[in-house]
Structure formats: C-alpha cells, structure tokens
Amino acid sequence: MTADVSRVAAPVAASGNRGQQLLAAEAARIRRKRVVVHSLQVLLLAVVLGSWEICSRTIMDPFMVSSPSKIASQVWEWLGTGYLLEHVAITLRETAVGFVAGAVIGVALGILLANSQLASRVLNPYINAAYSLPKVALGPLFVVWFGLGIEMKYVMSAVFVVFLVFYSTWNGIASVSEDLVESLRVMGASRLQIVRRVMLPSALTWMFNGLRISFPQALIGAVVGEIIAANRGVGYVIENSAAQFNTTGVFAGILVLTIAAVIFDRLLTVVQDRVFKWNPDSLRA
C-alpha cells in the first residue's frame, strides 16, 4: 500500500516542482526585461542631457537654452534658501484640491448620465462643446468670478480634470453589457445595486486610466492659474523668471513640475496595480 502511494505521489511532486520552476523562470524573465527597459531609459536620459550640455557650451547660445548643469545648480540654490519648497507646496495644494474636486464631480456626472439615455442624448452636444473649449480661455473669466486668490486656481485645476474623468467613467459604464444589466433587473436587482455591484466595478479600469491622465492636467490648470494671476506657486516662479529673461529659472520650474507629475503618476500606478492584481498589465515594466 505504501509503495502504491509513493508511485502516485512521485509524479505529482515532480509536476509541482516543474510548475514552480516555470513560475520562477517567468519571474526571472520579467525582472530581466524590467532591468533592460530601465537601463535604456537611463541611457536615453543621459544621452539627451549630455548632448544638451555639450551643445550649450559649443553651438547654441546658453542664454537661450541654458544647460542641465546650470538648471541643477539653480534648483539646488532655491532648495537651500527654501524659496522653491514654499512655491511647490502652494502648487501641489492647488493641484490636489482641484484634482479631487474634478475627479468627484467627473465620476458623479459620468454615473448619472450613463444611467439616463435620454439625458445623455440631450446633453451630448453641449458636453462635447464644453469639452472642446480651450480651458485656458476661461482663466480671465475665473479671475473676474473668483478673484486673484487661491480659489481661482482650485477651480482652474478642477476644470482641467472634470471632463477627462467624466468621459472615462461614462465610457466605462457604457461598456457594461446591456444583456447583463437586463438580466439583473429581471432577477429583481435595484438600480442602486446594479450600479454598485456591476457598473462601478466594470468602470474601475476606465476610471483609473482617467485619473492617471487627469493628474498632469490638474497640475497644468493650477500652473496656468498662477501664470495668469498669482504671486506664489511654481507657475509664478516660471512667469517671474521669464519676465527677468532668466531661462535657467524657467527650465528649473519646468523640471520641478515634471518631477512632481512623474512621482504622482507612479503613485497612482502603484495603487492601480494593487487594485487590479488579477490584471496581467500589473506585470508591466
């Protein structure tokens, strides 16, 4: 009896070990792929910065294009005096408030309109017109409505976000199978249950993609508001540097904004990967 069990268990154990080996090999392949991708990214950045530095010292006017070394020195100087941190904190505050407000409004509108075909058809041309409107053109109007304070930057940032999140939510819910929704209704599910248990989970991927795309837009909205009318924030730093023909200061402000956008994009990516662990995209480099 013991011998029979051993004969049966041996192939099973071998099969299990084989599966573990395959999983380990796949994990190693993914790690190697990530290392290659990250190495190429670093190499590309080094080539661009090195070429920029060399050209600024030889064939290009450094007054017009500055150089990576000067920009880094400017950022370091501003960090040392605390000048940069103060303005970055203001811009991030405006961006965060505008991002959250725009996201909440966009998700709510997306859910409401996706559940009303009549409202969607009636409002569709007006929504498209509002979406097509250049948001920057609203800046002077917001100054009149909300003044020169930080509230205007909140609104400006939220306006850049709301339509992107709205369209993502709307399309995500619209992608839900009508047959599935009708089947649930026949089974006695209420509209609220259908929204909570089916539509929102199905639209999560679309919503997260909309949030990732919209955060840089929230940052743009805050900076545009600061450029239009402000005496604080990174947008003000950029505008003030440009007024003084300080190209290095302009590039330093742009660099800080780029770093902030990349950091928050990575944070949102981490959150998205944790929410969608079942998604193969979570293995991306």
C-alpha atoms as a PDB file:
ATOM      1  CA  MET A   1       0.000   0.000   0.000  1.00  0.00           C
ATOM      2  CA  THR A   2       2.816   2.372   0.922  1.00  0.00           C
ATOM      3  CA  ALA A   3       4.612   1.583  -2.316  1.00  0.00           C
ATOM      4  CA  ASP A   4       1.461   2.353  -4.334  1.00  0.00           C
ATOM      5  CA  VAL A   5       1.091   5.730  -2.629  1.00  0.00           C
ATOM      6  CA  SER A   6       4.727   6.524  -3.312  1.00  0.00           C
ATOM      7  CA  ARG A   7       4.336   5.682  -7.003  1.00  0.00           C
ATOM      8  CA  VAL A   8       1.331   8.022  -7.273  1.00  0.00           C
ATOM      9  CA  ALA A   9       2.854  10.834  -5.197  1.00  0.00           C
ATOM     10  CA  ALA A  10       6.158  10.937  -7.096  1.00  0.00           C
ATOM     11  CA  PRO A  11       4.726  12.207 -10.434  1.00  0.00           C
ATOM     12  CA  VAL A  12       2.538  14.710  -8.585  1.00  0.00           C
ATOM     13  CA  ALA A  13       5.551  16.106  -6.713  1.00  0.00           C
ATOM     14  CA  ALA A  14       7.561  16.233  -9.931  1.00  0.00           C
ATOM     15  CA  SER A  15       4.725  18.068 -11.656  1.00  0.00           C
ATOM     16  CA  GLY A  16       4.538  20.565  -8.774  1.00  0.00           C
ATOM     17  CA  ASN A  17       8.295  21.184  -8.902  1.00  0.00           C
ATOM     18  CA  ARG A  18       8.084  21.658 -12.661  1.00  0.00           C
ATOM     19  CA  GLY A  19       5.343  24.259 -12.214  1.00  0.00           C
ATOM     20  CA  GLN A  20       7.386  26.126  -9.630  1.00  0.00           C
ATOM     21  CA  GLN A  21      10.387  26.110 -11.933  1.00  0.00           C
ATOM     22  CA  LEU A  22       8.291  27.560 -14.763  1.00  0.00           C
ATOM     23  CA  LEU A  23       6.950  30.296 -12.476  1.00  0.00           C
ATOM     24  CA  ALA A  24      10.457  31.123 -11.264  1.00  0.00           C
ATOM     25  CA  ALA A  25      11.735  31.262 -14.847  1.00  0.00           C
ATOM     26  CA  GLU A  26       8.879  33.583 -15.860  1.00  0.00           C
ATOM     27  CA  ALA A  27       9.537  35.858 -12.868  1.00  0.00           C
ATOM     28  CA  ALA A  28      13.245  35.988 -13.770  1.00  0.00           C
ATOM     29  CA  ARG A  29      12.371  36.846 -17.382  1.00  0.00           C
ATOM     30  CA  ILE A  30      10.133  39.706 -16.233  1.00  0.00           C
ATOM     31  CA  ARG A  31      12.868  41.028 -13.924  1.00  0.00           C
ATOM     32  CA  ARG A  32      15.428  40.937 -16.750  1.00  0.00           C
ATOM     33  CA  LYS A  33      13.008  42.750 -19.022  1.00  0.00           C
ATOM     34  CA  ARG A  34      12.483  45.463 -16.407  1.00  0.00           C
ATOM     35  CA  VAL A  35      16.233  45.866 -15.913  1.00  0.00           C
ATOM     36  CA  VAL A  36      16.769  46.240 -19.667  1.00  0.00           C
ATOM     37  CA  VAL A  37      13.936  48.773 -20.014  1.00  0.00           C
ATOM     38  CA  HIS A  38      15.095  50.855 -17.046  1.00  0.00           C
ATOM     39  CA  SER A  39      18.703  50.759 -18.255  1.00  0.00           C
ATOM     40  CA  LEU A  40      17.684  52.003 -21.691  1.00  0.00           C
ATOM     41  CA  GLN A  41      15.592  54.751 -20.096  1.00  0.00           C
ATOM     42  CA  VAL A  42      18.547  55.931 -18.012  1.00  0.00           C
ATOM     43  CA  LEU A  43      20.846  55.731 -21.032  1.00  0.00           C
ATOM     44  CA  LEU A  44      18.452  57.793 -23.164  1.00  0.00           C
ATOM     45  CA  LEU A  45      18.182  60.452 -20.443  1.00  0.00           C
ATOM     46  CA  ALA A  46      21.968  60.576 -20.109  1.00  0.00           C
ATOM     47  CA  VAL A  47      22.388  60.988 -23.881  1.00  0.00           C
ATOM     48  CA  VAL A  48      19.829  63.806 -24.036  1.00  0.00           C
ATOM     49  CA  LEU A  49      21.277  65.686 -21.055  1.00  0.00           C
ATOM     50  CA  GLY A  50      24.850  65.148 -22.220  1.00  0.00           C
ATOM     51  CA  SER A  51      24.046  66.383 -25.720  1.00  0.00           C
ATOM     52  CA  TRP A  52      22.243  69.398 -24.290  1.00  0.00           C
ATOM     53  CA  GLU A  53      25.195  70.246 -22.043  1.00  0.00           C
ATOM     54  CA  ILE A  54      27.713  69.938 -24.878  1.00  0.00           C
ATOM     55  CA  CYS A  55      25.625  71.918 -27.366  1.00  0.00           C
ATOM     56  CA  SER A  56      25.014  74.721 -24.850  1.00  0.00           C
ATOM     57  CA  ARG A  57      28.787  75.091 -24.500  1.00  0.00           C
ATOM     58  CA  THR A  58      29.533  74.964 -28.227  1.00  0.00           C
ATOM     59  CA  ILE A  59      26.934  75.578 -30.929  1.00  0.00           C
ATOM     60  CA  MET A  60      23.943  77.027 -29.016  1.00  0.00           C
ATOM     61  CA  ASP A  61      23.518  80.255 -27.102  1.00  0.00           C
ATOM     62  CA  PRO A  62      23.458  79.353 -23.368  1.00  0.00           C
ATOM     63  CA  PHE A  63      21.332  82.439 -22.690  1.00  0.00           C
ATOM     64  CA  MET A  64      18.548  80.949 -24.806  1.00  0.00           C
ATOM     65  CA  VAL A  65      18.732  77.258 -23.837  1.00  0.00           C
ATOM     66  CA  SER A  66      20.640  77.289 -20.523  1.00  0.00           C
ATOM     67  CA  SER A  67      22.212  73.913 -19.633  1.00  0.00           C
ATOM     68  CA  PRO A  68      21.489  70.937 -17.348  1.00  0.00           C
ATOM     69  CA  SER A  69      24.334  71.883 -15.004  1.00  0.00           C
ATOM     70  CA  LYS A  70      23.033  75.450 -14.594  1.00  0.00           C
ATOM     71  CA  ILE A  71      19.474  74.223 -14.078  1.00  0.00           C
ATOM     72  CA  ALA A  72      20.576  71.745 -11.418  1.00  0.00           C
ATOM     73  CA  SER A  73      22.600  74.495  -9.718  1.00  0.00           C
ATOM     74  CA  GLN A  74      19.568  76.813  -9.758  1.00  0.00           C
ATOM     75  CA  VAL A  75      17.278  74.170  -8.255  1.00  0.00           C
ATOM     76  CA  TRP A  76      19.846  73.380  -5.566  1.00  0.00           C
ATOM     77  CA  GLU A  77      20.205  77.062  -4.719  1.00  0.00           C
ATOM     78  CA  TRP A  78      16.435  77.529  -4.433  1.00  0.00           C
ATOM     79  CA  LEU A  79      16.148  74.417  -2.272  1.00  0.00           C
ATOM     80  CA  GLY A  80      18.879  75.708   0.016  1.00  0.00           C
ATOM     81  CA  THR A  81      17.116  79.008   0.609  1.00  0.00           C
ATOM     82  CA  GLY A  82      13.660  77.415   0.968  1.00  0.00           C
ATOM     83  CA  TYR A  83      12.364  79.555  -1.895  1.00  0.00           C
ATOM     84  CA  LEU A  84      11.390  76.591  -4.076  1.00  0.00           C
ATOM     85  CA  LEU A  85       9.728  74.461  -1.403  1.00  0.00           C
ATOM     86  CA  GLU A  86       7.352  77.273  -0.485  1.00  0.00           C
ATOM     87  CA  HIS A  87       6.136  77.667  -4.052  1.00  0.00           C
ATOM     88  CA  VAL A  88       5.998  73.918  -4.723  1.00  0.00           C
ATOM     89  CA  ALA A  89       3.822  73.415  -1.635  1.00  0.00           C
ATOM     90  CA  ILE A  90       1.343  76.032  -2.890  1.00  0.00           C
ATOM     91  CA  THR A  91       1.140  74.487  -6.366  1.00  0.00           C
ATOM     92  CA  LEU A  92       0.712  70.937  -5.035  1.00  0.00           C
ATOM     93  CA  ARG A  93      -2.040  72.119  -2.699  1.00  0.00           C
ATOM     94  CA  GLU A  94      -3.903  73.746  -5.591  1.00  0.00           C
ATOM     95  CA  THR A  95      -3.379  70.663  -7.732  1.00  0.00           C
ATOM     96  CA  ALA A  96      -4.565  68.233  -5.053  1.00  0.00           C
ATOM     97  CA  VAL A  97      -7.740  70.179  -4.276  1.00  0.00           C
ATOM     98  CA  GLY A  98      -8.552  70.677  -7.954  1.00  0.00           C
ATOM     99  CA  PHE A  99      -7.791  67.045  -8.762  1.00  0.00           C
ATOM    100  CA  VAL A 100     -10.024  65.654  -6.008  1.00  0.00           C
ATOM    101  CA  ALA A 101     -12.866  68.076  -6.758  1.00  0.00           C
ATOM    102  CA  GLY A 102     -12.706  67.469 -10.504  1.00  0.00           C
ATOM    103  CA  ALA A 103     -12.498  63.692 -10.031  1.00  0.00           C
ATOM    104  CA  VAL A 104     -15.504  63.554  -7.693  1.00  0.00           C
ATOM    105  CA  ILE A 105     -17.610  65.744  -9.968  1.00  0.00           C
ATOM    106  CA  GLY A 106     -16.497  63.838 -13.082  1.00  0.00           C
ATOM    107  CA  VAL A 107     -17.307  60.427 -11.593  1.00  0.00           C
ATOM    108  CA  ALA A 108     -20.694  61.617 -10.322  1.00  0.00           C
ATOM    109  CA  LEU A 109     -21.666  63.127 -13.670  1.00  0.00           C
ATOM    110  CA  GLY A 110     -20.430  60.052 -15.522  1.00  0.00           C
ATOM    111  CA  ILE A 111     -22.556  57.745 -13.380  1.00  0.00           C
ATOM    112  CA  LEU A 112     -25.654  59.940 -13.619  1.00  0.00           C
ATOM    113  CA  LEU A 113     -25.564  60.405 -17.385  1.00  0.00           C
ATOM    114  CA  ALA A 114     -24.572  56.801 -18.100  1.00  0.00           C
ATOM    115  CA  ASN A 115     -27.757  55.693 -16.317  1.00  0.00           C
ATOM    116  CA  SER A 116     -30.003  58.019 -18.319  1.00  0.00           C
ATOM    117  CA  GLN A 117     -30.015  57.543 -22.076  1.00  0.00           C
ATOM    118  CA  LEU A 118     -32.400  60.468 -22.560  1.00  0.00           C
ATOM    119  CA  ALA A 119     -30.174  62.885 -20.604  1.00  0.00           C
ATOM    120  CA  SER A 120     -27.099  61.592 -22.435  1.00  0.00           C
ATOM    121  CA  ARG A 121     -28.659  62.236 -25.846  1.00  0.00           C
ATOM    122  CA  VAL A 122     -29.961  65.671 -24.888  1.00  0.00           C
ATOM    123  CA  LEU A 123     -26.732  66.876 -23.263  1.00  0.00           C
ATOM    124  CA  ASN A 124     -24.258  65.158 -25.581  1.00  0.00           C
ATOM    125  CA  PRO A 125     -23.670  68.118 -27.998  1.00  0.00           C
ATOM    126  CA  TYR A 126     -23.320  70.562 -25.094  1.00  0.00           C
ATOM    127  CA  ILE A 127     -20.882  68.286 -23.291  1.00  0.00           C
ATOM    128  CA  ASN A 128     -18.793  67.935 -26.446  1.00  0.00           C
ATOM    129  CA  ALA A 129     -18.818  71.704 -26.923  1.00  0.00           C
ATOM    130  CA  ALA A 130     -17.698  72.288 -23.329  1.00  0.00           C
ATOM    131  CA  TYR A 131     -15.004  69.627 -23.656  1.00  0.00           C
ATOM    132  CA  SER A 132     -13.698  71.188 -26.885  1.00  0.00           C
ATOM    133  CA  LEU A 133     -13.459  74.639 -25.317  1.00  0.00           C
ATOM    134  CA  PRO A 134      -9.815  75.567 -24.579  1.00  0.00           C
ATOM    135  CA  LYS A 135      -9.751  75.666 -20.778  1.00  0.00           C
ATOM    136  CA  VAL A 136      -7.028  78.318 -20.735  1.00  0.00           C
ATOM    137  CA  ALA A 137      -9.517  80.785 -22.242  1.00  0.00           C
ATOM    138  CA  LEU A 138     -11.576  80.543 -19.049  1.00  0.00           C
ATOM    139  CA  GLY A 139      -8.739  81.936 -16.920  1.00  0.00           C
ATOM    140  CA  PRO A 140      -9.583  85.640 -17.261  1.00  0.00           C
ATOM    141  CA  LEU A 141     -13.250  84.865 -16.611  1.00  0.00           C
ATOM    142  CA  PHE A 142     -12.376  82.945 -13.457  1.00  0.00           C
ATOM    143  CA  VAL A 143     -10.326  85.911 -12.270  1.00  0.00           C
ATOM    144  CA  VAL A 144     -13.457  88.059 -12.543  1.00  0.00           C
ATOM    145  CA  TRP A 145     -15.640  85.450 -10.821  1.00  0.00           C
ATOM    146  CA  PHE A 146     -13.316  84.167  -8.091  1.00  0.00           C
ATOM    147  CA  GLY A 147     -10.713  86.923  -7.742  1.00  0.00           C
ATOM    148  CA  LEU A 148      -6.954  86.608  -7.582  1.00  0.00           C
ATOM    149  CA  GLY A 149      -6.833  84.283  -4.577  1.00  0.00           C
ATOM    150  CA  ILE A 150      -6.142  80.593  -4.384  1.00  0.00           C
ATOM    151  CA  GLU A 151      -9.812  79.732  -5.034  1.00  0.00           C
ATOM    152  CA  MET A 152      -9.372  80.660  -8.688  1.00  0.00           C
ATOM    153  CA  LYS A 153      -6.526  78.135  -9.010  1.00  0.00           C
ATOM    154  CA  TYR A 154      -8.675  75.442  -7.392  1.00  0.00           C
ATOM    155  CA  VAL A 155     -11.399  75.992  -9.958  1.00  0.00           C
ATOM    156  CA  MET A 156      -8.957  76.202 -12.851  1.00  0.00           C
ATOM    157  CA  SER A 157      -7.352  72.925 -11.846  1.00  0.00           C
ATOM    158  CA  ALA A 158     -10.718  71.178 -11.371  1.00  0.00           C
ATOM    159  CA  VAL A 159     -11.960  72.282 -14.800  1.00  0.00           C
ATOM    160  CA  PHE A 160      -8.966  70.627 -16.463  1.00  0.00           C
ATOM    161  CA  VAL A 161      -9.787  67.364 -14.663  1.00  0.00           C
ATOM    162  CA  VAL A 162     -13.550  67.031 -14.645  1.00  0.00           C
ATOM    163  CA  PHE A 163     -14.146  66.273 -18.326  1.00  0.00           C
ATOM    164  CA  LEU A 164     -11.402  63.647 -18.584  1.00  0.00           C
ATOM    165  CA  VAL A 165     -12.703  61.745 -15.556  1.00  0.00           C
ATOM    166  CA  PHE A 166     -16.283  62.199 -16.718  1.00  0.00           C
ATOM    167  CA  TYR A 167     -15.608  60.691 -20.154  1.00  0.00           C
ATOM    168  CA  SER A 168     -13.622  57.807 -18.675  1.00  0.00           C
ATOM    169  CA  THR A 169     -16.403  56.965 -16.223  1.00  0.00           C
ATOM    170  CA  TRP A 170     -19.109  57.402 -18.823  1.00  0.00           C
ATOM    171  CA  ASN A 171     -17.375  55.134 -21.358  1.00  0.00           C
ATOM    172  CA  GLY A 172     -16.561  52.578 -18.677  1.00  0.00           C
ATOM    173  CA  ILE A 173     -20.165  52.247 -17.565  1.00  0.00           C
ATOM    174  CA  ALA A 174     -21.393  52.310 -21.170  1.00  0.00           C
ATOM    175  CA  SER A 175     -19.150  49.315 -21.900  1.00  0.00           C
ATOM    176  CA  VAL A 176     -21.164  47.149 -19.471  1.00  0.00           C
ATOM    177  CA  SER A 177     -23.230  44.523 -21.308  1.00  0.00           C
ATOM    178  CA  GLU A 178     -26.853  45.569 -21.664  1.00  0.00           C
ATOM    179  CA  ASP A 179     -27.893  41.913 -21.551  1.00  0.00           C
ATOM    180  CA  LEU A 180     -26.230  41.549 -18.143  1.00  0.00           C
ATOM    181  CA  VAL A 181     -27.981  44.646 -16.802  1.00  0.00           C
ATOM    182  CA  GLU A 182     -31.356  43.453 -18.099  1.00  0.00           C
ATOM    183  CA  SER A 183     -30.807  40.018 -16.576  1.00  0.00           C
ATOM    184  CA  LEU A 184     -30.134  41.569 -13.185  1.00  0.00           C
ATOM    185  CA  ARG A 185     -33.245  43.719 -13.458  1.00  0.00           C
ATOM    186  CA  VAL A 186     -35.336  40.654 -14.242  1.00  0.00           C
ATOM    187  CA  MET A 187     -33.859  38.993 -11.160  1.00  0.00           C
ATOM    188  CA  GLY A 188     -35.106  41.895  -9.052  1.00  0.00           C
ATOM    189  CA  ALA A 189     -31.901  43.929  -8.583  1.00  0.00           C
ATOM    190  CA  SER A 190     -32.481  47.609  -7.911  1.00  0.00           C
ATOM    191  CA  ARG A 191     -30.777  50.352  -9.931  1.00  0.00           C
ATOM    192  CA  LEU A 192     -28.526  51.179  -6.971  1.00  0.00           C
ATOM    193  CA  GLN A 193     -27.456  47.519  -6.651  1.00  0.00           C
ATOM    194  CA  ILE A 194     -26.688  47.334 -10.364  1.00  0.00           C
ATOM    195  CA  VAL A 195     -24.578  50.492 -10.169  1.00  0.00           C
ATOM    196  CA  ARG A 196     -22.691  49.358  -7.041  1.00  0.00           C
ATOM    197  CA  ARG A 197     -22.205  45.688  -7.909  1.00  0.00           C
ATOM    198  CA  VAL A 198     -21.785  45.757 -11.692  1.00  0.00           C
ATOM    199  CA  MET A 199     -21.320  49.165 -13.304  1.00  0.00           C
ATOM    200  CA  LEU A 200     -18.775  50.705 -10.928  1.00  0.00           C
ATOM    201  CA  PRO A 201     -16.527  47.594 -10.757  1.00  0.00           C
ATOM    202  CA  SER A 202     -16.653  47.315 -14.551  1.00  0.00           C
ATOM    203  CA  ALA A 203     -15.772  51.004 -14.933  1.00  0.00           C
ATOM    204  CA  LEU A 204     -12.888  50.960 -12.430  1.00  0.00           C
ATOM    205  CA  THR A 205     -10.234  50.366 -15.084  1.00  0.00           C
ATOM    206  CA  TRP A 206     -11.547  53.248 -17.168  1.00  0.00           C
ATOM    207  CA  MET A 207     -11.775  55.478 -14.100  1.00  0.00           C
ATOM    208  CA  PHE A 208      -8.199  54.765 -13.004  1.00  0.00           C
ATOM    209  CA  ASN A 209      -6.925  55.476 -16.515  1.00  0.00           C
ATOM    210  CA  GLY A 210      -8.864  58.733 -16.479  1.00  0.00           C
ATOM    211  CA  LEU A 211      -7.367  59.655 -13.099  1.00  0.00           C
ATOM    212  CA  ARG A 212      -3.828  58.945 -14.290  1.00  0.00           C
ATOM    213  CA  ILE A 213      -4.325  61.069 -17.383  1.00  0.00           C
ATOM    214  CA  SER A 214      -6.043  63.878 -15.499  1.00  0.00           C
ATOM    215  CA  PHE A 215      -3.496  64.468 -12.724  1.00  0.00           C
ATOM    216  CA  PRO A 216      -0.994  66.190 -15.062  1.00  0.00           C
ATOM    217  CA  GLN A 217      -3.935  68.199 -16.354  1.00  0.00           C
ATOM    218  CA  ALA A 218      -4.770  69.270 -12.795  1.00  0.00           C
ATOM    219  CA  LEU A 219      -1.162  70.401 -12.420  1.00  0.00           C
ATOM    220  CA  ILE A 220      -1.397  72.294 -15.713  1.00  0.00           C
ATOM    221  CA  GLY A 221      -4.588  74.009 -14.586  1.00  0.00           C
ATOM    222  CA  ALA A 222      -3.006  75.148 -11.318  1.00  0.00           C
ATOM    223  CA  VAL A 223       0.110  76.436 -13.085  1.00  0.00           C
ATOM    224  CA  VAL A 224      -1.924  78.254 -15.747  1.00  0.00           C
ATOM    225  CA  GLY A 225      -3.915  79.953 -12.994  1.00  0.00           C
ATOM    226  CA  GLU A 226      -0.684  81.005 -11.291  1.00  0.00           C
ATOM    227  CA  ILE A 227       0.749  82.370 -14.530  1.00  0.00           C
ATOM    228  CA  ILE A 228      -2.413  84.375 -15.166  1.00  0.00           C
ATOM    229  CA  ALA A 229      -2.612  85.936 -11.710  1.00  0.00           C
ATOM    230  CA  ALA A 230      -0.537  84.951  -8.687  1.00  0.00           C
ATOM    231  CA  ASN A 231       2.408  85.918  -6.545  1.00  0.00           C
ATOM    232  CA  ARG A 232       3.042  82.375  -5.303  1.00  0.00           C
ATOM    233  CA  GLY A 233       3.448  78.935  -6.802  1.00  0.00           C
ATOM    234  CA  VAL A 234       5.688  77.313  -9.400  1.00  0.00           C
ATOM    235  CA  GLY A 235       3.722  78.984 -12.194  1.00  0.00           C
ATOM    236  CA  TYR A 236       4.586  82.345 -10.667  1.00  0.00           C
ATOM    237  CA  VAL A 237       8.243  81.278 -10.439  1.00  0.00           C
ATOM    238  CA  ILE A 238       8.257  80.401 -14.147  1.00  0.00           C
ATOM    239  CA  GLU A 239       6.466  83.596 -15.158  1.00  0.00           C
ATOM    240  CA  ASN A 240       8.698  85.750 -12.959  1.00  0.00           C
ATOM    241  CA  SER A 241      11.850  84.105 -14.312  1.00  0.00           C
ATOM    242  CA  ALA A 242      10.682  84.645 -17.889  1.00  0.00           C
ATOM    243  CA  ALA A 243       9.967  88.323 -17.133  1.00  0.00           C
ATOM    244  CA  GLN A 244      13.593  88.655 -15.983  1.00  0.00           C
ATOM    245  CA  PHE A 245      14.879  86.739 -19.051  1.00  0.00           C
ATOM    246  CA  ASN A 246      16.149  84.030 -16.704  1.00  0.00           C
ATOM    247  CA  THR A 247      15.963  80.967 -18.953  1.00  0.00           C
ATOM    248  CA  THR A 248      17.608  78.814 -16.299  1.00  0.00           C
ATOM    249  CA  GLY A 249      14.872  79.708 -13.815  1.00  0.00           C
ATOM    250  CA  VAL A 250      12.165  78.833 -16.341  1.00  0.00           C
ATOM    251  CA  PHE A 251      13.706  75.416 -17.014  1.00  0.00           C
ATOM    252  CA  ALA A 252      14.170  74.859 -13.269  1.00  0.00           C
ATOM    253  CA  GLY A 253      10.453  75.453 -12.684  1.00  0.00           C
ATOM    254  CA  ILE A 254       9.550  73.143 -15.561  1.00  0.00           C
ATOM    255  CA  LEU A 255      11.869  70.464 -14.152  1.00  0.00           C
ATOM    256  CA  VAL A 256      10.198  70.630 -10.741  1.00  0.00           C
ATOM    257  CA  LEU A 257       6.746  70.306 -12.306  1.00  0.00           C
ATOM    258  CA  THR A 258       7.878  67.332 -14.384  1.00  0.00           C
ATOM    259  CA  ILE A 259       9.294  65.543 -11.346  1.00  0.00           C
ATOM    260  CA  ALA A 260       6.100  66.153  -9.368  1.00  0.00           C
ATOM    261  CA  ALA A 261       3.943  64.815 -12.222  1.00  0.00           C
ATOM    262  CA  VAL A 262       6.101  61.687 -12.606  1.00  0.00           C
ATOM    263  CA  ILE A 263       6.049  60.952  -8.858  1.00  0.00           C
ATOM    264  CA  PHE A 264       2.269  61.216  -8.609  1.00  0.00           C
ATOM    265  CA  ASP A 265       1.821  59.139 -11.772  1.00  0.00           C
ATOM    266  CA  ARG A 266       3.904  56.384 -10.210  1.00  0.00           C
ATOM    267  CA  LEU A 267       1.869  56.561  -7.005  1.00  0.00           C
ATOM    268  CA  LEU A 268      -1.364  56.206  -8.955  1.00  0.00           C
ATOM    269  CA  THR A 269       0.172  53.311 -10.896  1.00  0.00           C
ATOM    270  CA  VAL A 270       1.050  51.516  -7.650  1.00  0.00           C
ATOM    271  CA  VAL A 271      -2.499  51.984  -6.367  1.00  0.00           C
ATOM    272  CA  GLN A 272      -3.929  50.769  -9.668  1.00  0.00           C
ATOM    273  CA  ASP A 273      -1.709  47.670  -9.671  1.00  0.00           C
ATOM    274  CA  ARG A 274      -2.772  46.814  -6.122  1.00  0.00           C
ATOM    275  CA  VAL A 275      -6.453  47.180  -7.021  1.00  0.00           C
ATOM    276  CA  PHE A 276      -6.063  45.102 -10.199  1.00  0.00           C
ATOM    277  CA  LYS A 277      -3.702  42.363  -9.057  1.00  0.00           C
ATOM    278  CA  TRP A 278      -5.581  39.950 -11.306  1.00  0.00           C
ATOM    279  CA  ASN A 279      -4.768  42.089 -14.349  1.00  0.00           C
ATOM    280  CA  PRO A 280      -1.712  40.948 -16.373  1.00  0.00           C
ATOM    281  CA  ASP A 281      -0.946  44.621 -17.006  1.00  0.00           C
ATOM    282  CA  SER A 282       0.190  44.802 -13.389  1.00  0.00           C
ATOM    283  CA  LEU A 283       3.326  42.962 -14.532  1.00  0.00           C
ATOM    284  CA  ARG A 284       4.306  45.713 -16.881  1.00  0.00           C
ATOM    285  CA  ALA A 285       7.734  47.331 -16.516  1.00  0.00           C
END
